[in-house]
Amino acid sequence: MAYVESIGLLLPAARPASPEEVASAPDWRAVCECAHGSPAEMAIHVGRATLTASSSTPSDIGWVIHCGSGYQGSAGWPVHHHVQEGIVGGHGTAFELRQYCAGGLTSWVVANSMASSDSTVICTGADNWSWDDRFVISRSLGGPPLADVAHAAVISSRGGFAKILSTATASCPEQSEPWRTREAYWEYASRNDFRQAYSRAVGSRTPDANHDSFEMRVRAVTTALSDAHLSPQYVTHFVPHNSSGSGDPFRRVANAVGLPWAESLHRHNLDSGDLGVSTEVAGLMQLAKSAELQSDSIVVLLATTYSLCATAVVLRIIRPPVVRVDGVIHTAA
């Protein structure tokens, strides 16, 4: 198995959301904004800092994996190679992983296999919604405000502050059709298209679909724990994806499986906005900053996309990571 050498998070200061901006989702209290930033430049910024914090150098990197929930660049532009050039230059190669919100953690699944074959991988993810209305679904549809954030992780076989014990995935692909924004596949979807798709997807949910999505999440977690030869009682930290104001469905997943629930992580999400592909790194960073990651801690991370797919990763903390903060950049290694 591979190790996490370092993680990094670019998290702008959060500003309070107005009642009108979160009229349908008032539990979301604030949102992180990086006006005029681009996802690619944010990924490069945090990627460089994360690589510097690790024990690897640019020449060690064999792969760069980039992901995002929203638009990363103009159509036809290989943004992943731009990110590669900005972080490691001509070393290795790069590709973009498109799984939306779960993509950040799923890139760790891919990197885990690559690093186990002696390739050092840097995973990046970023989103910036300042180009349009980030409150399009929180005003009237009950969804979260969309935050500007980026993250990175260096994963290798040489060692690090955490060991990847296991990974698992599950999905409900039959539930994907309501999310189709346009029949004209060659056209970028507008924010209004996304709003309509969100409304359609939420409105079409059935009790059976909700049950299947819940079981999907539980299956990903229990499979990962089984592959790690661990029972839930040994898990010290559970880092779930963004959820509703009540914490569901992830609070129910924790109860069903027997995982610890951290109200502090849930509040951090509500005070930051939807962190998309960076949610799990943000949660892990919060635990590192609060000195909760101790030797032999067991961490379960769970990411989802649209209730359609779930990715779980189990970590064993080898040693407490050293945390450094430089403006909006946080690193742990």
C-alpha atoms as a PDB file:
ATOM      1  CA  MET A   1       0.000   0.000   0.000  1.00  0.00           C
ATOM      2  CA  ALA A   2       0.970   3.617  -0.462  1.00  0.00           C
ATOM      3  CA  TYR A   3       1.525   6.491   1.933  1.00  0.00           C
ATOM      4  CA  VAL A   4       0.348  10.075   2.132  1.00  0.00           C
ATOM      5  CA  GLU A   5       3.507  12.169   2.334  1.00  0.00           C
ATOM      6  CA  SER A   6       1.726  15.514   2.577  1.00  0.00           C
ATOM      7  CA  ILE A   7      -1.565  17.283   2.019  1.00  0.00           C
ATOM      8  CA  GLY A   8      -2.268  20.916   1.253  1.00  0.00           C
ATOM      9  CA  LEU A   9      -5.336  23.122   1.318  1.00  0.00           C
ATOM     10  CA  LEU A  10      -5.932  26.546  -0.202  1.00  0.00           C
ATOM     11  CA  LEU A  11      -8.880  27.893   1.779  1.00  0.00           C
ATOM     12  CA  PRO A  12      -9.766  31.594   1.521  1.00  0.00           C
ATOM     13  CA  ALA A  13     -11.288  33.343   4.503  1.00  0.00           C
ATOM     14  CA  ALA A  14     -15.014  32.696   4.796  1.00  0.00           C
ATOM     15  CA  ARG A  15     -17.478  35.559   4.785  1.00  0.00           C
ATOM     16  CA  PRO A  16     -20.963  35.328   6.323  1.00  0.00           C
ATOM     17  CA  ALA A  17     -23.763  34.447   3.937  1.00  0.00           C
ATOM     18  CA  SER A  18     -26.735  36.790   3.899  1.00  0.00           C
ATOM     19  CA  PRO A  19     -30.211  35.420   4.740  1.00  0.00           C
ATOM     20  CA  GLU A  20     -31.256  35.942   1.124  1.00  0.00           C
ATOM     21  CA  GLU A  21     -28.244  34.022  -0.249  1.00  0.00           C
ATOM     22  CA  VAL A  22     -29.081  30.911   1.797  1.00  0.00           C
ATOM     23  CA  ALA A  23     -32.822  31.436   2.099  1.00  0.00           C
ATOM     24  CA  SER A  24     -33.598  27.753   1.485  1.00  0.00           C
ATOM     25  CA  ALA A  25     -30.579  26.384   3.386  1.00  0.00           C
ATOM     26  CA  PRO A  26     -30.014  28.684   6.405  1.00  0.00           C
ATOM     27  CA  ASP A  27     -27.805  26.166   8.231  1.00  0.00           C
ATOM     28  CA  TRP A  28     -25.034  27.081   5.757  1.00  0.00           C
ATOM     29  CA  ARG A  29     -23.696  30.128   7.553  1.00  0.00           C
ATOM     30  CA  ALA A  30     -20.726  31.273   5.447  1.00  0.00           C
ATOM     31  CA  VAL A  31     -18.800  30.675   2.249  1.00  0.00           C
ATOM     32  CA  CYS A  32     -15.134  30.870   1.216  1.00  0.00           C
ATOM     33  CA  GLU A  33     -14.502  33.166  -1.736  1.00  0.00           C
ATOM     34  CA  CYS A  34     -11.434  33.767  -3.906  1.00  0.00           C
ATOM     35  CA  ALA A  35     -12.561  36.459  -6.317  1.00  0.00           C
ATOM     36  CA  HIS A  36     -11.005  36.394  -9.790  1.00  0.00           C
ATOM     37  CA  GLY A  37      -9.050  33.205  -9.082  1.00  0.00           C
ATOM     38  CA  SER A  38      -8.983  30.301 -11.527  1.00  0.00           C
ATOM     39  CA  PRO A  39      -9.085  26.635 -10.493  1.00  0.00           C
ATOM     40  CA  ALA A  40      -5.869  25.863 -12.381  1.00  0.00           C
ATOM     41  CA  GLU A  41      -3.838  28.613 -10.717  1.00  0.00           C
ATOM     42  CA  MET A  42      -5.250  27.735  -7.306  1.00  0.00           C
ATOM     43  CA  ALA A  43      -4.258  24.086  -7.863  1.00  0.00           C
ATOM     44  CA  ILE A  44      -0.739  25.119  -8.889  1.00  0.00           C
ATOM     45  CA  HIS A  45      -0.370  27.367  -5.857  1.00  0.00           C
ATOM     46  CA  VAL A  46      -1.371  24.715  -3.339  1.00  0.00           C
ATOM     47  CA  GLY A  47       0.349  21.939  -5.310  1.00  0.00           C
ATOM     48  CA  ARG A  48       3.734  23.640  -5.109  1.00  0.00           C
ATOM     49  CA  ALA A  49       3.379  24.164  -1.353  1.00  0.00           C
ATOM     50  CA  THR A  50       2.279  20.566  -0.802  1.00  0.00           C
ATOM     51  CA  LEU A  51       5.201  19.182  -2.804  1.00  0.00           C
ATOM     52  CA  THR A  52       7.626  21.401  -0.882  1.00  0.00           C
ATOM     53  CA  ALA A  53       6.209  20.093   2.402  1.00  0.00           C
ATOM     54  CA  SER A  54       6.716  16.487   1.291  1.00  0.00           C
ATOM     55  CA  SER A  55       9.937  14.479   1.055  1.00  0.00           C
ATOM     56  CA  SER A  56       9.596  14.303  -2.744  1.00  0.00           C
ATOM     57  CA  THR A  57      11.038  16.578  -5.405  1.00  0.00           C
ATOM     58  CA  PRO A  58       9.614  17.468  -8.843  1.00  0.00           C
ATOM     59  CA  SER A  59      11.864  14.860 -10.474  1.00  0.00           C
ATOM     60  CA  ASP A  60      10.255  12.142  -8.295  1.00  0.00           C
ATOM     61  CA  ILE A  61       6.765  12.798  -9.662  1.00  0.00           C
ATOM     62  CA  GLY A  62       5.557  10.292 -12.228  1.00  0.00           C
ATOM     63  CA  TRP A  63       1.934  11.390 -12.410  1.00  0.00           C
ATOM     64  CA  VAL A  64      -0.200  14.474 -11.761  1.00  0.00           C
ATOM     65  CA  ILE A  65      -3.938  13.808 -11.355  1.00  0.00           C
ATOM     66  CA  HIS A  66      -6.206  16.862 -11.446  1.00  0.00           C
ATOM     67  CA  CYS A  67      -9.924  17.077 -10.748  1.00  0.00           C
ATOM     68  CA  GLY A  68     -12.703  19.553 -10.070  1.00  0.00           C
ATOM     69  CA  SER A  69     -16.465  19.796  -9.634  1.00  0.00           C
ATOM     70  CA  GLY A  70     -16.956  22.780 -11.941  1.00  0.00           C
ATOM     71  CA  TYR A  71     -15.364  24.177 -15.071  1.00  0.00           C
ATOM     72  CA  GLN A  72     -11.576  23.972 -14.978  1.00  0.00           C
ATOM     73  CA  GLY A  73     -10.784  25.801 -18.209  1.00  0.00           C
ATOM     74  CA  SER A  74     -11.909  26.440 -21.749  1.00  0.00           C
ATOM     75  CA  ALA A  75     -13.057  23.531 -23.918  1.00  0.00           C
ATOM     76  CA  GLY A  76     -10.190  21.673 -25.562  1.00  0.00           C
ATOM     77  CA  TRP A  77      -7.524  23.022 -23.203  1.00  0.00           C
ATOM     78  CA  PRO A  78      -5.655  20.215 -21.381  1.00  0.00           C
ATOM     79  CA  VAL A  79      -5.741  21.965 -18.020  1.00  0.00           C
ATOM     80  CA  HIS A  80      -4.105  18.972 -16.323  1.00  0.00           C
ATOM     81  CA  HIS A  81      -0.880  19.577 -18.242  1.00  0.00           C
ATOM     82  CA  HIS A  82      -1.007  23.265 -17.307  1.00  0.00           C
ATOM     83  CA  VAL A  83      -1.214  22.204 -13.656  1.00  0.00           C
ATOM     84  CA  GLN A  84       1.627  19.719 -14.206  1.00  0.00           C
ATOM     85  CA  GLU A  85       3.851  22.390 -15.771  1.00  0.00           C
ATOM     86  CA  GLY A  86       3.113  24.785 -12.924  1.00  0.00           C
ATOM     87  CA  ILE A  87       4.019  22.289 -10.192  1.00  0.00           C
ATOM     88  CA  VAL A  88       6.679  19.888 -11.544  1.00  0.00           C
ATOM     89  CA  GLY A  89       7.555  21.166 -15.005  1.00  0.00           C
ATOM     90  CA  GLY A  90       8.260  18.434 -17.529  1.00  0.00           C
ATOM     91  CA  HIS A  91       8.540  15.584 -15.032  1.00  0.00           C
ATOM     92  CA  GLY A  92       6.118  12.697 -15.467  1.00  0.00           C
ATOM     93  CA  THR A  93       2.763  13.239 -17.142  1.00  0.00           C
ATOM     94  CA  ALA A  94      -0.781  14.220 -16.167  1.00  0.00           C
ATOM     95  CA  PHE A  95      -4.452  13.527 -16.674  1.00  0.00           C
ATOM     96  CA  GLU A  96      -7.785  14.919 -15.506  1.00  0.00           C
ATOM     97  CA  LEU A  97     -10.230  12.798 -13.521  1.00  0.00           C
ATOM     98  CA  ARG A  98     -13.881  13.766 -13.990  1.00  0.00           C
ATOM     99  CA  GLN A  99     -16.028  12.406 -11.173  1.00  0.00           C
ATOM    100  CA  TYR A 100     -17.162  15.753  -9.798  1.00  0.00           C
ATOM    101  CA  CYS A 101     -17.394  15.976  -5.976  1.00  0.00           C
ATOM    102  CA  ALA A 102     -16.001  12.492  -5.255  1.00  0.00           C
ATOM    103  CA  GLY A 103     -13.115  13.027  -7.665  1.00  0.00           C
ATOM    104  CA  GLY A 104     -10.693  14.292  -5.039  1.00  0.00           C
ATOM    105  CA  LEU A 105     -10.836  11.115  -2.985  1.00  0.00           C
ATOM    106  CA  THR A 106     -11.155   8.858  -6.038  1.00  0.00           C
ATOM    107  CA  SER A 107      -7.868  10.286  -7.310  1.00  0.00           C
ATOM    108  CA  TRP A 108      -6.321   8.814  -4.142  1.00  0.00           C
ATOM    109  CA  VAL A 109      -7.680   5.399  -5.149  1.00  0.00           C
ATOM    110  CA  VAL A 110      -5.943   5.709  -8.525  1.00  0.00           C
ATOM    111  CA  ALA A 111      -2.782   7.141  -6.965  1.00  0.00           C
ATOM    112  CA  ASN A 112      -2.697   4.314  -4.439  1.00  0.00           C
ATOM    113  CA  SER A 113      -2.305   1.764  -7.256  1.00  0.00           C
ATOM    114  CA  MET A 114       0.227   3.904  -9.107  1.00  0.00           C
ATOM    115  CA  ALA A 115       2.323   4.612  -6.022  1.00  0.00           C
ATOM    116  CA  SER A 116       2.328   0.931  -5.102  1.00  0.00           C
ATOM    117  CA  SER A 117       4.178   0.450  -8.398  1.00  0.00           C
ATOM    118  CA  ASP A 118       6.877   2.908  -7.247  1.00  0.00           C
ATOM    119  CA  SER A 119       5.461   6.003  -8.970  1.00  0.00           C
ATOM    120  CA  THR A 120       5.077   9.113  -6.837  1.00  0.00           C
ATOM    121  CA  VAL A 121       1.803  10.873  -7.566  1.00  0.00           C
ATOM    122  CA  ILE A 122       0.560  14.359  -6.794  1.00  0.00           C
ATOM    123  CA  CYS A 123      -3.218  14.745  -6.754  1.00  0.00           C
ATOM    124  CA  THR A 124      -4.777  18.195  -7.121  1.00  0.00           C
ATOM    125  CA  GLY A 125      -8.332  19.472  -7.129  1.00  0.00           C
ATOM    126  CA  ALA A 126      -9.835  22.941  -7.327  1.00  0.00           C
ATOM    127  CA  ASP A 127     -12.995  24.929  -7.928  1.00  0.00           C
ATOM    128  CA  ASN A 128     -13.737  28.613  -8.284  1.00  0.00           C
ATOM    129  CA  TRP A 129     -17.322  29.810  -8.695  1.00  0.00           C
ATOM    130  CA  SER A 130     -16.697  33.576  -8.745  1.00  0.00           C
ATOM    131  CA  TRP A 131     -17.609  33.729 -12.450  1.00  0.00           C
ATOM    132  CA  ASP A 132     -21.315  33.329 -11.662  1.00  0.00           C
ATOM    133  CA  ASP A 133     -23.878  33.064  -8.853  1.00  0.00           C
ATOM    134  CA  ARG A 134     -22.476  30.670  -6.248  1.00  0.00           C
ATOM    135  CA  PHE A 135     -25.816  30.787  -4.394  1.00  0.00           C
ATOM    136  CA  VAL A 136     -27.918  29.462  -7.277  1.00  0.00           C
ATOM    137  CA  ILE A 137     -29.070  26.371  -5.355  1.00  0.00           C
ATOM    138  CA  SER A 138     -28.942  27.757  -1.806  1.00  0.00           C
ATOM    139  CA  ARG A 139     -31.394  30.576  -2.558  1.00  0.00           C
ATOM    140  CA  SER A 140     -34.373  28.348  -3.342  1.00  0.00           C
ATOM    141  CA  LEU A 141     -33.469  24.676  -3.806  1.00  0.00           C
ATOM    142  CA  GLY A 142     -32.103  23.714  -0.392  1.00  0.00           C
ATOM    143  CA  GLY A 143     -28.558  23.098  -1.598  1.00  0.00           C
ATOM    144  CA  PRO A 144     -25.300  24.561  -0.274  1.00  0.00           C
ATOM    145  CA  PRO A 145     -23.477  27.729  -1.372  1.00  0.00           C
ATOM    146  CA  LEU A 146     -20.487  26.851  -3.570  1.00  0.00           C
ATOM    147  CA  ALA A 147     -17.045  27.624  -2.134  1.00  0.00           C
ATOM    148  CA  ASP A 148     -13.734  28.490  -3.821  1.00  0.00           C
ATOM    149  CA  VAL A 149     -11.107  26.023  -2.625  1.00  0.00           C
ATOM    150  CA  ALA A 150      -8.179  23.880  -3.809  1.00  0.00           C
ATOM    151  CA  HIS A 151      -6.191  20.999  -2.406  1.00  0.00           C
ATOM    152  CA  ALA A 152      -3.267  18.703  -3.172  1.00  0.00           C
ATOM    153  CA  ALA A 153      -1.746  15.497  -1.859  1.00  0.00           C
ATOM    154  CA  VAL A 154       1.553  13.728  -2.491  1.00  0.00           C
ATOM    155  CA  ILE A 155       1.213   9.933  -2.442  1.00  0.00           C
ATOM    156  CA  SER A 156       4.158   7.535  -2.728  1.00  0.00           C
ATOM    157  CA  SER A 157       5.477   4.159  -1.619  1.00  0.00           C
ATOM    158  CA  ARG A 158       8.352   5.677   0.371  1.00  0.00           C
ATOM    159  CA  GLY A 159       6.489   6.584   3.541  1.00  0.00           C
ATOM    160  CA  GLY A 160       4.589   9.505   4.993  1.00  0.00           C
ATOM    161  CA  PHE A 161       2.472  10.603   7.936  1.00  0.00           C
ATOM    162  CA  ALA A 162      -0.378   8.259   6.932  1.00  0.00           C
ATOM    163  CA  LYS A 163      -0.630   4.831   5.314  1.00  0.00           C
ATOM    164  CA  ILE A 164      -3.484   3.997   2.952  1.00  0.00           C
ATOM    165  CA  LEU A 165      -4.820   0.725   4.330  1.00  0.00           C
ATOM    166  CA  SER A 166      -7.656   0.213   1.859  1.00  0.00           C
ATOM    167  CA  THR A 167     -10.025   1.849  -0.615  1.00  0.00           C
ATOM    168  CA  ALA A 168     -13.505   0.963  -1.857  1.00  0.00           C
ATOM    169  CA  THR A 169     -16.102   2.335  -4.238  1.00  0.00           C
ATOM    170  CA  ALA A 170     -19.814   1.851  -4.945  1.00  0.00           C
ATOM    171  CA  SER A 171     -22.283   3.475  -7.316  1.00  0.00           C
ATOM    172  CA  CYS A 172     -25.901   3.836  -8.445  1.00  0.00           C
ATOM    173  CA  PRO A 173     -25.419   4.692 -12.132  1.00  0.00           C
ATOM    174  CA  GLU A 174     -29.103   4.222 -12.905  1.00  0.00           C
ATOM    175  CA  GLN A 175     -29.757   7.483 -11.035  1.00  0.00           C
ATOM    176  CA  SER A 176     -27.604   9.626 -13.334  1.00  0.00           C
ATOM    177  CA  GLU A 177     -30.101  10.617 -16.027  1.00  0.00           C
ATOM    178  CA  PRO A 178     -31.879  13.486 -14.158  1.00  0.00           C
ATOM    179  CA  TRP A 179     -28.531  15.277 -13.946  1.00  0.00           C
ATOM    180  CA  ARG A 180     -28.206  15.655 -17.727  1.00  0.00           C
ATOM    181  CA  THR A 181     -28.118  19.437 -18.233  1.00  0.00           C
ATOM    182  CA  ARG A 182     -28.357  19.675 -22.027  1.00  0.00           C
ATOM    183  CA  GLU A 183     -28.996  17.400 -24.971  1.00  0.00           C
ATOM    184  CA  ALA A 184     -26.566  19.566 -26.959  1.00  0.00           C
ATOM    185  CA  TYR A 185     -23.460  17.936 -25.524  1.00  0.00           C
ATOM    186  CA  TRP A 186     -21.136  20.365 -27.273  1.00  0.00           C
ATOM    187  CA  GLU A 187     -22.498  23.364 -25.357  1.00  0.00           C
ATOM    188  CA  TYR A 188     -21.358  24.353 -21.894  1.00  0.00           C
ATOM    189  CA  ALA A 189     -24.203  24.222 -19.374  1.00  0.00           C
ATOM    190  CA  SER A 190     -25.106  27.541 -17.797  1.00  0.00           C
ATOM    191  CA  ARG A 191     -25.634  27.978 -14.093  1.00  0.00           C
ATOM    192  CA  ASN A 192     -29.373  28.093 -14.822  1.00  0.00           C
ATOM    193  CA  ASP A 193     -29.068  24.721 -16.571  1.00  0.00           C
ATOM    194  CA  PHE A 194     -27.418  23.351 -13.453  1.00  0.00           C
ATOM    195  CA  ARG A 195     -30.130  24.856 -11.254  1.00  0.00           C
ATOM    196  CA  GLN A 196     -32.799  23.171 -13.338  1.00  0.00           C
ATOM    197  CA  ALA A 197     -30.941  19.845 -13.283  1.00  0.00           C
ATOM    198  CA  TYR A 198     -30.520  20.076  -9.494  1.00  0.00           C
ATOM    199  CA  SER A 199     -34.227  20.794  -9.075  1.00  0.00           C
ATOM    200  CA  ARG A 200     -35.164  17.939 -11.411  1.00  0.00           C
ATOM    201  CA  ALA A 201     -32.835  15.455  -9.699  1.00  0.00           C
ATOM    202  CA  VAL A 202     -34.017  16.340  -6.200  1.00  0.00           C
ATOM    203  CA  GLY A 203     -37.666  16.384  -7.273  1.00  0.00           C
ATOM    204  CA  SER A 204     -37.428  12.955  -8.892  1.00  0.00           C
ATOM    205  CA  ARG A 205     -35.949  11.203  -5.860  1.00  0.00           C
ATOM    206  CA  THR A 206     -38.003   8.238  -4.695  1.00  0.00           C
ATOM    207  CA  PRO A 207     -37.852   6.334  -1.395  1.00  0.00           C
ATOM    208  CA  ASP A 208     -36.217   3.442  -3.259  1.00  0.00           C
ATOM    209  CA  ALA A 209     -33.575   5.758  -4.761  1.00  0.00           C
ATOM    210  CA  ASN A 210     -32.818   7.262  -1.342  1.00  0.00           C
ATOM    211  CA  HIS A 211     -32.517   3.774   0.139  1.00  0.00           C
ATOM    212  CA  ASP A 212     -30.188   2.633  -2.629  1.00  0.00           C
ATOM    213  CA  SER A 213     -27.964   5.719  -2.233  1.00  0.00           C
ATOM    214  CA  PHE A 214     -27.764   5.210   1.521  1.00  0.00           C
ATOM    215  CA  GLU A 215     -26.856   1.545   1.117  1.00  0.00           C
ATOM    216  CA  MET A 216     -24.256   2.571  -1.490  1.00  0.00           C
ATOM    217  CA  ARG A 217     -22.512   4.786   1.062  1.00  0.00           C
ATOM    218  CA  VAL A 218     -22.641   2.119   3.739  1.00  0.00           C
ATOM    219  CA  ARG A 219     -21.321  -0.501   1.299  1.00  0.00           C
ATOM    220  CA  ALA A 220     -18.323   1.625   0.349  1.00  0.00           C
ATOM    221  CA  VAL A 221     -17.379   2.140   4.011  1.00  0.00           C
ATOM    222  CA  THR A 222     -17.930  -1.438   5.161  1.00  0.00           C
ATOM    223  CA  THR A 223     -16.048  -2.843   2.174  1.00  0.00           C
ATOM    224  CA  ALA A 224     -13.086  -0.553   2.848  1.00  0.00           C
ATOM    225  CA  LEU A 225     -13.042  -1.536   6.522  1.00  0.00           C
ATOM    226  CA  SER A 226     -13.291  -5.234   5.647  1.00  0.00           C
ATOM    227  CA  ASP A 227     -10.411  -4.936   3.198  1.00  0.00           C
ATOM    228  CA  ALA A 228      -8.369  -3.217   5.920  1.00  0.00           C
ATOM    229  CA  HIS A 229      -9.261  -6.037   8.338  1.00  0.00           C
ATOM    230  CA  LEU A 230     -10.716  -3.536  10.790  1.00  0.00           C
ATOM    231  CA  SER A 231     -13.979  -3.387  12.672  1.00  0.00           C
ATOM    232  CA  PRO A 232     -15.686   0.009  13.115  1.00  0.00           C
ATOM    233  CA  GLN A 233     -14.803   0.110  16.816  1.00  0.00           C
ATOM    234  CA  TYR A 234     -11.175   0.829  15.894  1.00  0.00           C
ATOM    235  CA  VAL A 235     -12.015   3.901  13.811  1.00  0.00           C
ATOM    236  CA  THR A 236     -11.049   7.082  15.637  1.00  0.00           C
ATOM    237  CA  HIS A 237     -12.154   9.654  13.023  1.00  0.00           C
ATOM    238  CA  PHE A 238     -14.784   9.773  10.290  1.00  0.00           C
ATOM    239  CA  VAL A 239     -14.407  12.462   7.615  1.00  0.00           C
ATOM    240  CA  PRO A 240     -17.581  12.512   5.481  1.00  0.00           C
ATOM    241  CA  HIS A 241     -18.585  14.619   2.540  1.00  0.00           C
ATOM    242  CA  ASN A 242     -20.648  17.812   2.755  1.00  0.00           C
ATOM    243  CA  SER A 243     -24.134  17.154   4.028  1.00  0.00           C
ATOM    244  CA  SER A 244     -27.324  18.897   5.024  1.00  0.00           C
ATOM    245  CA  GLY A 245     -27.756  21.090   8.072  1.00  0.00           C
ATOM    246  CA  SER A 246     -28.677  18.022  10.107  1.00  0.00           C
ATOM    247  CA  GLY A 247     -25.616  16.124   8.939  1.00  0.00           C
ATOM    248  CA  ASP A 248     -27.671  13.533   7.092  1.00  0.00           C
ATOM    249  CA  PRO A 249     -27.252  11.225   5.299  1.00  0.00           C
ATOM    250  CA  PHE A 250     -23.700  10.925   6.613  1.00  0.00           C
ATOM    251  CA  ARG A 251     -24.719  11.101  10.266  1.00  0.00           C
ATOM    252  CA  ARG A 252     -27.030   8.141   9.582  1.00  0.00           C
ATOM    253  CA  VAL A 253     -24.174   6.321   7.827  1.00  0.00           C
ATOM    254  CA  ALA A 254     -22.004   6.826  10.906  1.00  0.00           C
ATOM    255  CA  ASN A 255     -24.789   5.501  13.148  1.00  0.00           C
ATOM    256  CA  ALA A 256     -25.472   2.519  10.898  1.00  0.00           C
ATOM    257  CA  VAL A 257     -21.838   1.451  10.628  1.00  0.00           C
ATOM    258  CA  GLY A 258     -20.757   2.460  14.136  1.00  0.00           C
ATOM    259  CA  LEU A 259     -18.364   5.281  13.243  1.00  0.00           C
ATOM    260  CA  PRO A 260     -17.590   8.316  15.431  1.00  0.00           C
ATOM    261  CA  TRP A 261     -19.334  11.539  14.432  1.00  0.00           C
ATOM    262  CA  ALA A 262     -17.350  14.791  14.729  1.00  0.00           C
ATOM    263  CA  GLU A 263     -19.702  17.724  15.134  1.00  0.00           C
ATOM    264  CA  SER A 264     -16.718  20.060  14.742  1.00  0.00           C
ATOM    265  CA  LEU A 265     -16.091  18.846  11.170  1.00  0.00           C
ATOM    266  CA  HIS A 266     -19.771  19.219  10.347  1.00  0.00           C
ATOM    267  CA  ARG A 267     -19.788  22.811  11.663  1.00  0.00           C
ATOM    268  CA  HIS A 268     -16.618  23.583   9.710  1.00  0.00           C
ATOM    269  CA  ASN A 269     -18.371  22.552   6.495  1.00  0.00           C
ATOM    270  CA  LEU A 270     -21.393  24.723   7.296  1.00  0.00           C
ATOM    271  CA  ASP A 271     -19.039  27.644   7.980  1.00  0.00           C
ATOM    272  CA  SER A 272     -17.127  27.207   4.697  1.00  0.00           C
ATOM    273  CA  GLY A 273     -19.672  26.355   1.989  1.00  0.00           C
ATOM    274  CA  ASP A 274     -19.630  23.320  -0.268  1.00  0.00           C
ATOM    275  CA  LEU A 275     -15.943  22.373  -0.574  1.00  0.00           C
ATOM    276  CA  GLY A 276     -16.580  19.919  -3.414  1.00  0.00           C
ATOM    277  CA  VAL A 277     -13.566  17.819  -4.395  1.00  0.00           C
ATOM    278  CA  SER A 278     -11.541  19.278  -1.501  1.00  0.00           C
ATOM    279  CA  THR A 279     -13.947  18.297   1.309  1.00  0.00           C
ATOM    280  CA  GLU A 280     -12.046  15.275   2.582  1.00  0.00           C
ATOM    281  CA  VAL A 281      -8.626  16.981   2.550  1.00  0.00           C
ATOM    282  CA  ALA A 282     -10.210  19.943   4.359  1.00  0.00           C
ATOM    283  CA  GLY A 283     -11.548  17.607   7.039  1.00  0.00           C
ATOM    284  CA  LEU A 284      -8.233  15.808   7.397  1.00  0.00           C
ATOM    285  CA  MET A 285      -6.489  19.186   7.674  1.00  0.00           C
ATOM    286  CA  GLN A 286      -8.891  20.267  10.437  1.00  0.00           C
ATOM    287  CA  LEU A 287      -8.037  17.135  12.399  1.00  0.00           C
ATOM    288  CA  ALA A 288      -4.314  17.770  11.880  1.00  0.00           C
ATOM    289  CA  LYS A 289      -4.581  21.401  12.976  1.00  0.00           C
ATOM    290  CA  SER A 290      -6.431  20.400  16.142  1.00  0.00           C
ATOM    291  CA  ALA A 291      -3.738  17.777  16.934  1.00  0.00           C
ATOM    292  CA  GLU A 292      -6.296  14.955  16.781  1.00  0.00           C
ATOM    293  CA  LEU A 293      -4.245  12.850  14.356  1.00  0.00           C
ATOM    294  CA  GLN A 294      -2.065  10.761  16.626  1.00  0.00           C
ATOM    295  CA  SER A 295       0.031   7.677  15.943  1.00  0.00           C
ATOM    296  CA  ASP A 296      -2.186   4.674  15.121  1.00  0.00           C
ATOM    297  CA  SER A 297      -5.324   6.793  14.670  1.00  0.00           C
ATOM    298  CA  ILE A 298      -7.642   5.196  12.111  1.00  0.00           C
ATOM    299  CA  VAL A 299      -9.406   7.594   9.745  1.00  0.00           C
ATOM    300  CA  VAL A 300     -12.246   6.751   7.372  1.00  0.00           C
ATOM    301  CA  LEU A 301     -12.831   9.273   4.579  1.00  0.00           C
ATOM    302  CA  LEU A 302     -16.035   9.113   2.523  1.00  0.00           C
ATOM    303  CA  ALA A 303     -16.820  11.150  -0.607  1.00  0.00           C
ATOM    304  CA  THR A 304     -19.903  11.101  -2.812  1.00  0.00           C
ATOM    305  CA  THR A 305     -21.115  12.622  -6.077  1.00  0.00           C
ATOM    306  CA  TYR A 306     -24.817  13.490  -6.497  1.00  0.00           C
ATOM    307  CA  SER A 307     -25.806  10.428  -4.416  1.00  0.00           C
ATOM    308  CA  LEU A 308     -24.637   8.434  -7.466  1.00  0.00           C
ATOM    309  CA  CYS A 309     -21.269   7.131  -6.316  1.00  0.00           C
ATOM    310  CA  ALA A 310     -19.248   6.761  -3.151  1.00  0.00           C
ATOM    311  CA  THR A 311     -15.535   6.409  -2.486  1.00  0.00           C
ATOM    312  CA  ALA A 312     -14.097   5.388   0.873  1.00  0.00           C
ATOM    313  CA  VAL A 313     -10.462   5.420   1.989  1.00  0.00           C
ATOM    314  CA  VAL A 314      -9.083   4.056   5.268  1.00  0.00           C
ATOM    315  CA  LEU A 315      -5.908   5.616   6.683  1.00  0.00           C
ATOM    316  CA  ARG A 316      -3.655   4.661   9.568  1.00  0.00           C
ATOM    317  CA  ILE A 317      -1.775   7.650  10.980  1.00  0.00           C
ATOM    318  CA  ILE A 318       1.914   6.760  11.287  1.00  0.00           C
ATOM    319  CA  ARG A 319       2.868   9.912  13.179  1.00  0.00           C
ATOM    320  CA  PRO A 320       1.225  13.263  13.934  1.00  0.00           C
ATOM    321  CA  PRO A 321       1.750  15.487  10.889  1.00  0.00           C
ATOM    322  CA  VAL A 322       3.506  18.836  11.127  1.00  0.00           C
ATOM    323  CA  VAL A 323       1.107  21.617  10.131  1.00  0.00           C
ATOM    324  CA  ARG A 324       2.222  24.880   8.576  1.00  0.00           C
ATOM    325  CA  VAL A 325       0.072  27.862   7.606  1.00  0.00           C
ATOM    326  CA  ASP A 326       1.159  30.510   5.116  1.00  0.00           C
ATOM    327  CA  GLY A 327      -1.691  32.895   4.400  1.00  0.00           C
ATOM    328  CA  VAL A 328      -4.503  30.891   2.789  1.00  0.00           C
ATOM    329  CA  ILE A 329      -2.252  27.845   2.266  1.00  0.00           C
ATOM    330  CA  HIS A 330      -2.255  25.083   4.910  1.00  0.00           C
ATOM    331  CA  THR A 331       0.028  22.047   4.666  1.00  0.00           C
ATOM    332  CA  ALA A 332       0.415  18.926   6.796  1.00  0.00           C
ATOM    333  CA  ALA A 333       3.302  16.502   6.363  1.00  0.00           C
END
